[in-house]
Amino acid sequence: MLRTLRLAGGAAVLLVASAVLAQAPPAGDYFPLKQKSKWVYKVADQEVVVEVNGTVKVGTDEFTNVETKVGGVVKATELFQIKPDGVYRVKVKDDKVEPPVKILALPPTKDVSWKVESKVGSQNVKGEFKIKDVKESVTVPAGKFDAVVVEGADFDIAGNKTSIKQWFAPGKGIVKLVFSIQGSTDSVLELKEYTEGPAGK
């Protein structure tokens, strides 16, 4: 009888675990990079458009090109790569990020932290990111989301003290970003609209 109860209990645990895993979004879904996907963000009184535009292959590695536009003009390009352990920024404009900076650890786990010590071109970037929560409710113009919150409270970027906080929502990517430099007023970026790229792209 006891053995039967133990087996039943074990089966129940497995069923619950399977259900939880089935409900969890794929790791890469926190930073979707399907071609032609587009994000429209509100930044103060401006709109910033971010769009996935092609891939770049270096050796055996493939990177995704992401463009940022203001007023229809490309202001920045970045290369990203999703690895099993995280999402990495590998290039900003013409500047390589060496080593690439992990902006999100995968799978997202509360209280996980990782150090950053890189160069973007000739500028030093140093600090630490930490996942503060994996299901924080955040409301932006595009709606309400349960998001993974990643914070870098004390970064040094080219000699400037900088704080960064990002909210990643499943199926949407970054829905909110807050940063400040040298104690200045926070700059806030909030998602207004997300359009997934066409199927098969």
Protein backbone atom coordinates (compact mmCIF):
# COMPACT_ATOMS: atom_id res chain seq x y z
CA MET A 1 0.00 0.00 0.00
CA LEU A 2 2.78 2.44 1.00
CA ARG A 3 4.70 1.62 -2.18
CA THR A 4 1.55 2.29 -4.23
CA LEU A 5 1.07 5.69 -2.55
CA ARG A 6 4.71 6.59 -3.19
CA LEU A 7 4.37 5.66 -6.87
CA ALA A 8 1.14 7.65 -7.13
CA GLY A 9 2.81 10.63 -5.42
CA GLY A 10 5.76 10.43 -7.79
CA ALA A 11 3.45 10.29 -10.78
CA ALA A 12 1.57 13.35 -9.49
CA VAL A 13 4.81 15.30 -9.14
CA LEU A 14 5.82 14.35 -12.66
CA LEU A 15 2.42 15.40 -14.02
CA VAL A 16 2.58 18.76 -12.25
CA ALA A 17 6.15 19.33 -13.44
CA SER A 18 5.15 18.43 -17.00
CA ALA A 19 2.23 20.84 -16.84
CA VAL A 20 4.47 23.65 -15.61
CA LEU A 21 7.02 22.96 -18.35
CA ALA A 22 4.26 22.87 -20.95
CA GLN A 23 3.08 26.30 -19.81
CA ALA A 24 6.54 27.89 -19.71
CA PRO A 25 7.42 29.87 -22.84
CA PRO A 26 10.44 28.78 -24.91
CA ALA A 27 13.60 30.46 -23.62
CA GLY A 28 14.21 32.40 -26.84
CA ASP A 29 10.63 33.70 -26.77
CA TYR A 30 11.70 36.40 -24.29
CA PHE A 31 13.69 38.02 -27.10
CA PRO A 32 11.95 37.09 -30.38
CA LEU A 33 14.05 37.74 -33.46
CA LYS A 34 11.88 36.59 -36.37
CA GLN A 35 12.75 38.48 -39.54
CA LYS A 36 10.77 41.70 -40.12
CA SER A 37 9.39 41.70 -36.59
CA LYS A 38 8.81 45.29 -35.48
CA TRP A 39 8.50 47.10 -32.14
CA VAL A 40 7.17 50.64 -31.79
CA TYR A 41 8.23 52.32 -28.54
CA LYS A 42 7.19 55.53 -26.83
CA VAL A 43 10.16 57.57 -25.57
CA ALA A 44 8.98 60.88 -24.07
CA ASP A 45 7.15 62.59 -26.96
CA GLN A 46 8.85 60.53 -29.69
CA GLU A 47 8.33 57.16 -31.32
CA VAL A 48 11.25 54.80 -31.78
CA VAL A 49 10.89 51.88 -34.18
CA VAL A 50 13.02 48.75 -33.81
CA GLU A 51 12.99 46.17 -36.60
CA VAL A 52 14.72 42.87 -37.34
CA ASN A 53 16.46 43.23 -40.69
CA GLY A 54 18.45 40.24 -41.90
CA THR A 55 21.26 38.13 -40.52
CA VAL A 56 25.04 38.25 -40.68
CA LYS A 57 27.21 35.15 -40.74
CA VAL A 58 30.76 35.17 -39.38
CA GLY A 59 32.46 31.79 -39.68
CA THR A 60 29.96 29.27 -38.32
CA ASP A 61 28.13 31.83 -36.18
CA GLU A 62 24.99 33.63 -37.33
CA PHE A 63 23.87 36.94 -35.85
CA THR A 64 20.59 38.83 -36.17
CA ASN A 65 20.69 42.44 -37.36
CA VAL A 66 18.36 44.85 -35.53
CA GLU A 67 17.82 48.45 -36.66
CA THR A 68 16.59 51.35 -34.54
CA LYS A 69 14.83 54.18 -36.39
CA VAL A 70 13.67 57.62 -35.30
CA GLY A 71 11.55 59.58 -37.77
CA GLY A 72 12.12 56.85 -40.36
CA VAL A 73 15.90 57.33 -40.22
CA VAL A 74 18.18 54.51 -39.01
CA LYS A 75 19.99 55.80 -35.93
CA ALA A 76 21.58 52.56 -34.75
CA THR A 77 22.20 48.99 -35.81
CA GLU A 78 23.00 46.11 -33.49
CA LEU A 79 23.82 42.44 -33.84
CA PHE A 80 22.35 39.90 -31.41
CA GLN A 81 22.80 36.19 -30.87
CA ILE A 82 20.70 33.81 -28.80
CA LYS A 83 22.66 31.00 -27.17
CA PRO A 84 21.39 28.28 -24.82
CA ASP A 85 22.54 30.30 -21.81
CA GLY A 86 21.40 33.75 -22.86
CA VAL A 87 20.80 36.62 -25.27
CA TYR A 88 23.99 38.43 -26.32
CA ARG A 89 24.63 41.84 -27.88
CA VAL A 90 27.68 41.38 -30.12
CA LYS A 91 27.94 44.61 -32.11
CA VAL A 92 26.71 48.21 -31.88
CA LYS A 93 26.91 50.19 -35.12
CA ASP A 94 30.46 49.56 -36.37
CA ASP A 95 31.82 48.68 -32.93
CA LYS A 96 32.32 45.09 -31.86
CA VAL A 97 31.35 44.20 -28.32
CA GLU A 98 34.28 42.18 -26.96
CA PRO A 99 33.42 39.91 -25.31
CA PRO A 100 29.71 40.03 -26.23
CA VAL A 101 27.44 41.28 -23.45
CA LYS A 102 24.75 38.97 -22.11
CA ILE A 103 21.60 41.05 -21.65
CA LEU A 104 19.35 38.20 -20.52
CA ALA A 105 20.22 34.84 -18.95
CA LEU A 106 18.31 31.82 -20.26
CA PRO A 107 16.27 30.21 -18.95
CA PRO A 108 15.30 33.22 -16.81
CA THR A 109 15.76 32.42 -13.10
CA LYS A 110 15.07 34.78 -10.23
CA ASP A 111 18.16 36.15 -8.42
CA VAL A 112 20.58 34.85 -11.06
CA SER A 113 23.31 37.44 -11.70
CA TRP A 114 26.25 37.74 -14.07
CA LYS A 115 29.14 40.15 -14.41
CA VAL A 116 29.86 42.23 -17.51
CA GLU A 117 33.33 43.44 -18.41
CA SER A 118 33.56 44.31 -22.10
CA LYS A 119 34.61 46.89 -24.62
CA VAL A 120 32.31 48.50 -27.16
CA GLY A 121 34.83 49.81 -29.65
CA SER A 122 37.22 51.74 -27.40
CA GLN A 123 34.73 52.27 -24.54
CA ASN A 124 34.82 50.13 -21.41
CA VAL A 125 31.60 48.65 -20.06
CA LYS A 126 31.63 47.13 -16.59
CA GLY A 127 28.91 46.08 -14.16
CA GLU A 128 26.57 43.31 -13.13
CA PHE A 129 23.09 42.29 -14.25
CA LYS A 130 20.63 40.51 -11.98
CA ILE A 131 17.22 38.98 -12.63
CA LYS A 132 15.05 40.65 -9.98
CA ASP A 133 11.85 38.82 -10.86
CA VAL A 134 10.55 36.39 -13.48
CA LYS A 135 6.88 37.38 -13.41
CA GLU A 136 6.49 41.05 -12.52
CA SER A 137 3.35 42.75 -13.73
CA VAL A 138 4.12 45.76 -15.90
CA THR A 139 1.70 48.01 -17.79
CA VAL A 140 2.78 49.89 -20.93
CA PRO A 141 0.79 51.41 -23.83
CA ALA A 142 0.78 47.99 -25.57
CA GLY A 143 -0.93 46.36 -22.58
CA LYS A 144 -0.24 44.53 -19.34
CA PHE A 145 2.41 41.81 -19.19
CA ASP A 146 4.06 39.42 -16.75
CA ALA A 147 7.71 40.10 -17.41
CA VAL A 148 11.23 39.07 -16.49
CA VAL A 149 12.98 42.04 -14.88
CA VAL A 150 16.73 42.45 -15.41
CA GLU A 151 18.53 45.21 -13.55
CA GLY A 152 22.03 46.62 -13.78
CA ALA A 153 22.04 49.11 -10.93
CA ASP A 154 25.66 50.19 -10.96
CA PHE A 155 27.27 50.07 -14.41
CA ASP A 156 30.31 52.01 -15.52
CA ILE A 157 30.05 52.87 -19.21
CA ALA A 158 32.99 54.87 -20.53
CA GLY A 159 33.51 56.36 -17.08
CA ASN A 160 29.85 57.29 -16.57
CA LYS A 161 27.83 55.70 -13.78
CA THR A 162 24.78 54.20 -15.43
CA SER A 163 21.74 52.24 -14.25
CA ILE A 164 19.71 50.00 -16.57
CA LYS A 165 16.46 48.14 -15.98
CA GLN A 166 14.66 46.06 -18.61
CA TRP A 167 11.40 44.12 -18.70
CA PHE A 168 11.23 41.12 -21.07
CA ALA A 169 7.78 39.66 -21.81
CA PRO A 170 7.18 36.25 -23.44
CA GLY A 171 6.37 36.59 -27.12
CA LYS A 172 7.10 40.32 -27.12
CA GLY A 173 10.71 40.86 -26.01
CA ILE A 174 11.58 44.14 -24.32
CA VAL A 175 8.36 45.90 -23.29
CA LYS A 176 9.98 48.52 -21.05
CA LEU A 177 13.45 49.93 -20.48
CA VAL A 178 14.56 52.54 -17.94
CA PHE A 179 18.08 53.97 -17.76
CA SER A 180 19.90 56.93 -16.31
CA ILE A 181 23.44 58.26 -16.71
CA GLN A 182 25.33 60.00 -13.89
CA GLY A 183 22.17 60.32 -11.81
CA SER A 184 20.26 62.17 -14.54
CA THR A 185 16.48 61.94 -14.88
CA ASP A 186 15.40 58.47 -15.94
CA SER A 187 14.87 57.88 -19.65
CA VAL A 188 11.91 55.55 -20.18
CA LEU A 189 11.11 53.47 -23.24
CA GLU A 190 7.71 51.70 -23.35
CA LEU A 191 6.23 49.37 -25.96
CA LYS A 192 3.28 50.79 -27.92
CA GLU A 193 2.94 48.08 -30.55
CA TYR A 194 4.59 44.80 -31.58
CA THR A 195 4.18 43.19 -34.99
CA GLU A 196 5.60 39.73 -35.47
CA GLY A 197 7.40 39.04 -38.74
CA PRO A 198 5.59 36.98 -41.39
CA ALA A 199 5.55 33.19 -41.07
CA GLY A 200 8.44 31.40 -42.66
CA LYS A 201 10.76 34.38 -42.46
